[in-house]
Amino acid sequence: MSTPTPPLRAAILLFPGADILDFAGPAEILNNTTTNADPTGPRAFAVTTFSATNPVSSENGTLTLVPAASLADVRANLASYDILIVPGGGSEIMLALAKTGTEELGVIREFARLAEAKEGEGKKRFLVSVCTGAFLLAAAGVLGGKRATTHFLGLEGLKMLCAQASEETGAGATEVVRKRWVENEGEGLVTITAGGVSCGLDATLHVVERLVGRKAAEWVAELEEYAWREEV
């Protein structure tokens, strides 16, 4: 009898003003993915929400959430996570957080550097932003030399943040494009930026396909009755 494979670990960053579907959509996909495309089968992912504040309110104060873990706890155990998802919010919220979110930017940088530090050699980690969550990846300096996207209304803001990061860090320029999602393959880190809101569902299904398989991704898309748009 084979030993069951432990679920892959995903951490979803929350912050005041985060867009609901940006984080809830990927969480829904990952939480319902099984390793055998069966609703009673073993869960493929263990999802943890975390935040620097507790409780934390979503955009427009619609929901008040109690994250499963603190940012400090996740940061202390960051090497145990396979996926980090960064949602977006209103442009003003995200531009402010890009300037003042020291803790949030720090955890993004550290996750991106895990591959460089060879934490878990041979292991692929996935850094995923949804919508204007790409603003935080840009401000953290992890998009240099890559292609990236965001909500179409935030493309100019992303270009500005990427240019600032390139000037400050000396990293390469970022090509900002309008796509549903963009993937950058690194040696140990896959960086994916998704466009606005629903694009995060498509990007997350792509992550499922890569980590669990095509059958699992198609099955969970059908379970959610979501028309998966695979084109980028």
C-alpha atoms as a PDB file:
ATOM      1  CA  MET A   1       0.000   0.000   0.000  1.00  0.00           C
ATOM      2  CA  SER A   2       1.507   3.338  -1.062  1.00  0.00           C
ATOM      3  CA  THR A   3       1.936   6.180   1.377  1.00  0.00           C
ATOM      4  CA  PRO A   4      -0.426   9.100   0.646  1.00  0.00           C
ATOM      5  CA  THR A   5       1.313  12.195  -0.700  1.00  0.00           C
ATOM      6  CA  PRO A   6       0.963  15.162   1.676  1.00  0.00           C
ATOM      7  CA  PRO A   7      -1.030  18.022   0.176  1.00  0.00           C
ATOM      8  CA  LEU A   8       0.884  20.900  -1.375  1.00  0.00           C
ATOM      9  CA  ARG A   9       0.805  23.999   0.804  1.00  0.00           C
ATOM     10  CA  ALA A  10      -0.571  27.308  -0.449  1.00  0.00           C
ATOM     11  CA  ALA A  11      -0.505  30.613   1.439  1.00  0.00           C
ATOM     12  CA  ILE A  12      -2.866  33.435   0.459  1.00  0.00           C
ATOM     13  CA  LEU A  13      -1.947  36.930   1.618  1.00  0.00           C
ATOM     14  CA  LEU A  14      -4.759  39.103   2.976  1.00  0.00           C
ATOM     15  CA  PHE A  15      -4.623  42.820   3.742  1.00  0.00           C
ATOM     16  CA  PRO A  16      -7.151  45.602   4.384  1.00  0.00           C
ATOM     17  CA  GLY A  17      -9.034  46.335   1.178  1.00  0.00           C
ATOM     18  CA  ALA A  18      -8.224  43.103  -0.674  1.00  0.00           C
ATOM     19  CA  ASP A  19     -10.694  42.235  -3.435  1.00  0.00           C
ATOM     20  CA  ILE A  20     -12.904  39.305  -2.417  1.00  0.00           C
ATOM     21  CA  LEU A  21     -12.811  37.290  -5.645  1.00  0.00           C
ATOM     22  CA  ASP A  22      -9.072  37.846  -6.004  1.00  0.00           C
ATOM     23  CA  PHE A  23      -8.431  35.703  -2.930  1.00  0.00           C
ATOM     24  CA  ALA A  24     -11.644  33.681  -2.607  1.00  0.00           C
ATOM     25  CA  GLY A  25     -11.566  32.451  -6.205  1.00  0.00           C
ATOM     26  CA  PRO A  26      -8.111  30.837  -6.025  1.00  0.00           C
ATOM     27  CA  ALA A  27      -8.915  29.510  -2.534  1.00  0.00           C
ATOM     28  CA  GLU A  28     -12.084  27.872  -3.869  1.00  0.00           C
ATOM     29  CA  ILE A  29     -10.211  26.213  -6.728  1.00  0.00           C
ATOM     30  CA  LEU A  30      -7.375  24.910  -4.563  1.00  0.00           C
ATOM     31  CA  ASN A  31      -9.609  23.785  -1.701  1.00  0.00           C
ATOM     32  CA  ASN A  32     -11.718  21.652  -4.032  1.00  0.00           C
ATOM     33  CA  THR A  33      -8.923  20.061  -6.047  1.00  0.00           C
ATOM     34  CA  THR A  34      -8.399  16.383  -5.298  1.00  0.00           C
ATOM     35  CA  THR A  35      -5.562  14.166  -6.444  1.00  0.00           C
ATOM     36  CA  ASN A  36      -7.890  11.726  -8.223  1.00  0.00           C
ATOM     37  CA  ALA A  37     -10.624  14.006  -9.646  1.00  0.00           C
ATOM     38  CA  ASP A  38     -13.120  12.615  -7.148  1.00  0.00           C
ATOM     39  CA  PRO A  39     -14.958  14.819  -4.616  1.00  0.00           C
ATOM     40  CA  THR A  40     -14.231  12.282  -1.872  1.00  0.00           C
ATOM     41  CA  GLY A  41     -10.583  11.886  -2.841  1.00  0.00           C
ATOM     42  CA  PRO A  42      -7.472  13.186  -1.077  1.00  0.00           C
ATOM     43  CA  ARG A  43      -7.122  16.955  -1.135  1.00  0.00           C
ATOM     44  CA  ALA A  44      -4.270  18.117  -3.334  1.00  0.00           C
ATOM     45  CA  PHE A  45      -3.729  21.416  -1.496  1.00  0.00           C
ATOM     46  CA  ALA A  46      -3.785  22.735   2.052  1.00  0.00           C
ATOM     47  CA  VAL A  47      -4.649  26.438   1.936  1.00  0.00           C
ATOM     48  CA  THR A  48      -3.695  28.968   4.620  1.00  0.00           C
ATOM     49  CA  THR A  49      -4.839  32.589   4.634  1.00  0.00           C
ATOM     50  CA  PHE A  50      -2.576  34.996   6.500  1.00  0.00           C
ATOM     51  CA  SER A  51      -2.312  38.692   7.253  1.00  0.00           C
ATOM     52  CA  ALA A  52      -0.311  41.249   9.187  1.00  0.00           C
ATOM     53  CA  THR A  53      -3.585  42.371  10.788  1.00  0.00           C
ATOM     54  CA  ASN A  54      -6.307  40.370  12.507  1.00  0.00           C
ATOM     55  CA  PRO A  55      -9.162  40.735  11.800  1.00  0.00           C
ATOM     56  CA  VAL A  56      -8.862  42.151   8.299  1.00  0.00           C
ATOM     57  CA  SER A  57     -11.582  43.755   6.166  1.00  0.00           C
ATOM     58  CA  SER A  58     -12.020  43.127   2.453  1.00  0.00           C
ATOM     59  CA  GLU A  59     -12.534  45.856  -0.125  1.00  0.00           C
ATOM     60  CA  ASN A  60     -15.246  48.346   0.890  1.00  0.00           C
ATOM     61  CA  GLY A  61     -15.538  46.584   4.257  1.00  0.00           C
ATOM     62  CA  THR A  62     -17.912  43.981   2.804  1.00  0.00           C
ATOM     63  CA  LEU A  63     -16.359  41.151   4.807  1.00  0.00           C
ATOM     64  CA  THR A  64     -14.427  41.077   8.051  1.00  0.00           C
ATOM     65  CA  LEU A  65     -12.106  38.094   7.996  1.00  0.00           C
ATOM     66  CA  VAL A  66     -10.117  36.185  10.574  1.00  0.00           C
ATOM     67  CA  PRO A  67      -7.043  34.841   8.769  1.00  0.00           C
ATOM     68  CA  ALA A  68      -5.879  31.339   9.599  1.00  0.00           C
ATOM     69  CA  ALA A  69      -2.366  32.522  10.473  1.00  0.00           C
ATOM     70  CA  SER A  70      -0.387  35.661  11.147  1.00  0.00           C
ATOM     71  CA  LEU A  71       2.092  37.000   8.633  1.00  0.00           C
ATOM     72  CA  ALA A  72       4.862  36.395  11.152  1.00  0.00           C
ATOM     73  CA  ASP A  73       3.916  32.717  11.498  1.00  0.00           C
ATOM     74  CA  VAL A  74       3.826  32.118   7.752  1.00  0.00           C
ATOM     75  CA  ARG A  75       7.076  34.003   7.255  1.00  0.00           C
ATOM     76  CA  ALA A  76       8.764  31.870   9.895  1.00  0.00           C
ATOM     77  CA  ASN A  77       7.734  28.712   8.022  1.00  0.00           C
ATOM     78  CA  LEU A  78       7.877  30.069   4.482  1.00  0.00           C
ATOM     79  CA  ALA A  79      10.077  27.270   3.158  1.00  0.00           C
ATOM     80  CA  SER A  80       7.265  24.795   3.819  1.00  0.00           C
ATOM     81  CA  TYR A  81       4.948  26.520   1.318  1.00  0.00           C
ATOM     82  CA  ASP A  82       4.748  25.619  -2.355  1.00  0.00           C
ATOM     83  CA  ILE A  83       2.503  28.486  -3.492  1.00  0.00           C
ATOM     84  CA  LEU A  84       2.134  32.125  -2.463  1.00  0.00           C
ATOM     85  CA  ILE A  85      -0.896  33.991  -3.812  1.00  0.00           C
ATOM     86  CA  VAL A  86      -1.112  37.791  -3.665  1.00  0.00           C
ATOM     87  CA  PRO A  87      -4.554  39.290  -4.410  1.00  0.00           C
ATOM     88  CA  GLY A  88      -5.232  42.848  -5.485  1.00  0.00           C
ATOM     89  CA  GLY A  89      -7.529  45.674  -4.513  1.00  0.00           C
ATOM     90  CA  GLY A  90      -8.319  49.208  -5.607  1.00  0.00           C
ATOM     91  CA  SER A  91      -5.397  51.000  -7.241  1.00  0.00           C
ATOM     92  CA  GLU A  92      -5.140  53.606  -4.476  1.00  0.00           C
ATOM     93  CA  ILE A  93      -5.046  50.871  -1.830  1.00  0.00           C
ATOM     94  CA  MET A  94      -2.394  48.934  -3.705  1.00  0.00           C
ATOM     95  CA  LEU A  95      -0.205  51.945  -4.473  1.00  0.00           C
ATOM     96  CA  ALA A  96      -0.264  52.889  -0.795  1.00  0.00           C
ATOM     97  CA  LEU A  97       0.561  49.323   0.261  1.00  0.00           C
ATOM     98  CA  ALA A  98       3.385  49.228  -2.272  1.00  0.00           C
ATOM     99  CA  LYS A  99       4.937  52.146  -0.351  1.00  0.00           C
ATOM    100  CA  THR A 100       4.137  51.218   3.249  1.00  0.00           C
ATOM    101  CA  GLY A 101       3.603  47.446   3.295  1.00  0.00           C
ATOM    102  CA  THR A 102       7.017  46.529   4.647  1.00  0.00           C
ATOM    103  CA  GLU A 103       5.877  43.181   6.049  1.00  0.00           C
ATOM    104  CA  GLU A 104       3.884  42.203   2.970  1.00  0.00           C
ATOM    105  CA  LEU A 105       6.702  43.108   0.586  1.00  0.00           C
ATOM    106  CA  GLY A 106       9.172  41.300   2.808  1.00  0.00           C
ATOM    107  CA  VAL A 107       7.339  37.985   2.674  1.00  0.00           C
ATOM    108  CA  ILE A 108       7.065  38.240  -1.127  1.00  0.00           C
ATOM    109  CA  ARG A 109      10.807  38.897  -1.456  1.00  0.00           C
ATOM    110  CA  GLU A 110      11.689  36.035   0.864  1.00  0.00           C
ATOM    111  CA  PHE A 111       9.453  33.585  -0.986  1.00  0.00           C
ATOM    112  CA  ALA A 112      11.032  34.591  -4.294  1.00  0.00           C
ATOM    113  CA  ARG A 113      14.519  34.118  -2.840  1.00  0.00           C
ATOM    114  CA  LEU A 114      13.871  30.608  -1.562  1.00  0.00           C
ATOM    115  CA  ALA A 115      14.909  29.180  -4.924  1.00  0.00           C
ATOM    116  CA  GLU A 116      18.152  31.184  -4.863  1.00  0.00           C
ATOM    117  CA  ALA A 117      18.864  29.868  -1.375  1.00  0.00           C
ATOM    118  CA  LYS A 118      18.143  26.323  -2.648  1.00  0.00           C
ATOM    119  CA  GLU A 119      15.552  25.746   0.053  1.00  0.00           C
ATOM    120  CA  GLY A 120      14.112  22.440  -1.123  1.00  0.00           C
ATOM    121  CA  GLU A 121      16.413  21.663  -4.053  1.00  0.00           C
ATOM    122  CA  GLY A 122      14.609  20.509  -7.177  1.00  0.00           C
ATOM    123  CA  LYS A 123      11.332  21.901  -5.888  1.00  0.00           C
ATOM    124  CA  LYS A 124       9.276  24.326  -7.948  1.00  0.00           C
ATOM    125  CA  ARG A 125       7.505  27.091  -6.083  1.00  0.00           C
ATOM    126  CA  PHE A 126       4.757  29.245  -7.539  1.00  0.00           C
ATOM    127  CA  LEU A 127       4.404  32.961  -6.831  1.00  0.00           C
ATOM    128  CA  VAL A 128       1.025  34.118  -8.143  1.00  0.00           C
ATOM    129  CA  SER A 129      -0.501  37.591  -8.181  1.00  0.00           C
ATOM    130  CA  VAL A 130      -4.097  38.339  -9.093  1.00  0.00           C
ATOM    131  CA  CYS A 131      -5.214  41.672 -10.538  1.00  0.00           C
ATOM    132  CA  THR A 132      -3.383  44.600  -8.900  1.00  0.00           C
ATOM    133  CA  GLY A 133      -1.594  42.183  -6.589  1.00  0.00           C
ATOM    134  CA  ALA A 134       1.121  42.539  -9.240  1.00  0.00           C
ATOM    135  CA  PHE A 135       1.750  46.018  -7.804  1.00  0.00           C
ATOM    136  CA  LEU A 136       3.179  44.371  -4.680  1.00  0.00           C
ATOM    137  CA  LEU A 137       5.338  41.989  -6.694  1.00  0.00           C
ATOM    138  CA  ALA A 138       6.688  44.980  -8.613  1.00  0.00           C
ATOM    139  CA  ALA A 139       7.356  46.979  -5.446  1.00  0.00           C
ATOM    140  CA  ALA A 140       9.063  43.941  -3.924  1.00  0.00           C
ATOM    141  CA  GLY A 141      11.450  43.928  -6.880  1.00  0.00           C
ATOM    142  CA  VAL A 142      10.659  40.407  -8.091  1.00  0.00           C
ATOM    143  CA  LEU A 143       9.417  41.269 -11.594  1.00  0.00           C
ATOM    144  CA  GLY A 144      12.705  42.559 -12.997  1.00  0.00           C
ATOM    145  CA  GLY A 145      13.527  40.976 -16.353  1.00  0.00           C
ATOM    146  CA  LYS A 146      10.100  39.346 -16.565  1.00  0.00           C
ATOM    147  CA  ARG A 147       6.801  39.840 -18.375  1.00  0.00           C
ATOM    148  CA  ALA A 148       3.832  40.794 -16.217  1.00  0.00           C
ATOM    149  CA  THR A 149       0.193  41.774 -16.344  1.00  0.00           C
ATOM    150  CA  THR A 150      -2.540  43.135 -14.104  1.00  0.00           C
ATOM    151  CA  HIS A 151      -6.074  44.520 -14.406  1.00  0.00           C
ATOM    152  CA  PHE A 152      -6.230  46.567 -17.602  1.00  0.00           C
ATOM    153  CA  LEU A 153      -6.999  49.705 -15.585  1.00  0.00           C
ATOM    154  CA  GLY A 154      -3.795  49.174 -13.609  1.00  0.00           C
ATOM    155  CA  LEU A 155      -1.351  48.642 -16.463  1.00  0.00           C
ATOM    156  CA  GLU A 156       0.124  52.145 -16.270  1.00  0.00           C
ATOM    157  CA  GLY A 157       0.466  51.915 -12.501  1.00  0.00           C
ATOM    158  CA  LEU A 158       2.288  48.597 -12.860  1.00  0.00           C
ATOM    159  CA  LYS A 159       4.638  50.064 -15.458  1.00  0.00           C
ATOM    160  CA  MET A 160       5.461  52.913 -13.073  1.00  0.00           C
ATOM    161  CA  LEU A 161       6.170  50.589 -10.142  1.00  0.00           C
ATOM    162  CA  CYS A 162       8.289  48.254 -12.266  1.00  0.00           C
ATOM    163  CA  ALA A 163      10.326  51.190 -13.583  1.00  0.00           C
ATOM    164  CA  GLN A 164      10.887  52.468 -10.041  1.00  0.00           C
ATOM    165  CA  ALA A 165      11.976  49.023  -8.849  1.00  0.00           C
ATOM    166  CA  SER A 166      14.337  48.630 -11.797  1.00  0.00           C
ATOM    167  CA  GLU A 167      15.949  51.987 -11.047  1.00  0.00           C
ATOM    168  CA  GLU A 168      16.297  51.227  -7.333  1.00  0.00           C
ATOM    169  CA  THR A 169      17.552  47.646  -7.607  1.00  0.00           C
ATOM    170  CA  GLY A 170      19.301  47.584 -10.955  1.00  0.00           C
ATOM    171  CA  ALA A 171      17.158  44.639 -12.014  1.00  0.00           C
ATOM    172  CA  GLY A 172      16.158  44.278 -15.640  1.00  0.00           C
ATOM    173  CA  ALA A 173      13.173  46.023 -17.148  1.00  0.00           C
ATOM    174  CA  THR A 174       9.719  44.457 -16.918  1.00  0.00           C
ATOM    175  CA  GLU A 175       7.586  44.024 -20.024  1.00  0.00           C
ATOM    176  CA  VAL A 176       4.027  44.900 -18.986  1.00  0.00           C
ATOM    177  CA  VAL A 177       1.369  43.421 -21.268  1.00  0.00           C
ATOM    178  CA  ARG A 178      -2.399  43.042 -21.286  1.00  0.00           C
ATOM    179  CA  LYS A 179      -3.068  39.303 -20.940  1.00  0.00           C
ATOM    180  CA  ARG A 180      -5.296  37.045 -18.854  1.00  0.00           C
ATOM    181  CA  TRP A 181      -2.154  35.725 -17.203  1.00  0.00           C
ATOM    182  CA  VAL A 182       1.579  35.637 -17.831  1.00  0.00           C
ATOM    183  CA  GLU A 183       3.975  32.924 -16.696  1.00  0.00           C
ATOM    184  CA  ASN A 184       7.714  33.286 -16.095  1.00  0.00           C
ATOM    185  CA  GLU A 185       9.650  30.063 -15.627  1.00  0.00           C
ATOM    186  CA  GLY A 186      12.644  30.279 -13.311  1.00  0.00           C
ATOM    187  CA  GLU A 187      15.029  27.599 -12.110  1.00  0.00           C
ATOM    188  CA  GLY A 188      13.195  27.092  -8.845  1.00  0.00           C
ATOM    189  CA  LEU A 189      10.421  29.677  -8.995  1.00  0.00           C
ATOM    190  CA  VAL A 190       7.508  30.097 -11.371  1.00  0.00           C
ATOM    191  CA  THR A 191       6.135  33.645 -11.282  1.00  0.00           C
ATOM    192  CA  ILE A 192       2.598  34.116 -12.592  1.00  0.00           C
ATOM    193  CA  THR A 193       0.766  37.431 -12.792  1.00  0.00           C
ATOM    194  CA  ALA A 194      -2.936  37.345 -13.630  1.00  0.00           C
ATOM    195  CA  GLY A 195      -5.140  40.062 -15.051  1.00  0.00           C
ATOM    196  CA  GLY A 196      -8.246  41.388 -13.368  1.00  0.00           C
ATOM    197  CA  VAL A 197     -10.368  39.426 -10.907  1.00  0.00           C
ATOM    198  CA  SER A 198     -11.676  36.372 -12.836  1.00  0.00           C
ATOM    199  CA  CYS A 199      -8.294  35.928 -14.519  1.00  0.00           C
ATOM    200  CA  GLY A 200      -7.079  34.644 -11.160  1.00  0.00           C
ATOM    201  CA  LEU A 201      -9.325  31.604 -11.590  1.00  0.00           C
ATOM    202  CA  ASP A 202      -7.721  30.799 -14.940  1.00  0.00           C
ATOM    203  CA  ALA A 203      -4.217  31.243 -13.550  1.00  0.00           C
ATOM    204  CA  THR A 204      -4.992  29.057 -10.532  1.00  0.00           C
ATOM    205  CA  LEU A 205      -6.373  26.306 -12.761  1.00  0.00           C
ATOM    206  CA  HIS A 206      -3.110  26.485 -14.708  1.00  0.00           C
ATOM    207  CA  VAL A 207      -1.196  26.000 -11.449  1.00  0.00           C
ATOM    208  CA  VAL A 208      -3.406  22.990 -10.661  1.00  0.00           C
ATOM    209  CA  GLU A 209      -2.661  21.556 -14.097  1.00  0.00           C
ATOM    210  CA  ARG A 210       1.077  21.938 -13.589  1.00  0.00           C
ATOM    211  CA  LEU A 211       1.197  20.540 -10.068  1.00  0.00           C
ATOM    212  CA  VAL A 212      -1.564  17.926 -10.055  1.00  0.00           C
ATOM    213  CA  GLY A 213      -2.335  17.271 -13.705  1.00  0.00           C
ATOM    214  CA  ARG A 214      -4.644  18.115 -16.560  1.00  0.00           C
ATOM    215  CA  LYS A 215      -7.411  15.796 -15.416  1.00  0.00           C
ATOM    216  CA  ALA A 216      -7.547  17.391 -11.964  1.00  0.00           C
ATOM    217  CA  ALA A 217      -7.694  20.918 -13.409  1.00  0.00           C
ATOM    218  CA  GLU A 218     -10.472  20.069 -15.854  1.00  0.00           C
ATOM    219  CA  TRP A 219     -12.408  18.279 -13.135  1.00  0.00           C
ATOM    220  CA  VAL A 220     -12.285  21.114 -10.600  1.00  0.00           C
ATOM    221  CA  ALA A 221     -13.220  23.640 -13.308  1.00  0.00           C
ATOM    222  CA  GLU A 222     -16.275  21.502 -14.081  1.00  0.00           C
ATOM    223  CA  LEU A 223     -17.047  21.143 -10.368  1.00  0.00           C
ATOM    224  CA  GLU A 224     -17.084  24.930 -10.041  1.00  0.00           C
ATOM    225  CA  GLU A 225     -19.099  25.181 -13.287  1.00  0.00           C
ATOM    226  CA  TYR A 226     -16.500  27.622 -14.522  1.00  0.00           C
ATOM    227  CA  ALA A 227     -15.596  28.022 -18.201  1.00  0.00           C
ATOM    228  CA  TRP A 228     -11.808  27.832 -17.953  1.00  0.00           C
ATOM    229  CA  ARG A 229     -10.187  30.290 -20.348  1.00  0.00           C
ATOM    230  CA  GLU A 230      -6.800  28.756 -20.994  1.00  0.00           C
ATOM    231  CA  GLU A 231      -5.519  31.262 -23.518  1.00  0.00           C
ATOM    232  CA  VAL A 232      -3.150  33.811 -22.101  1.00  0.00           C
END
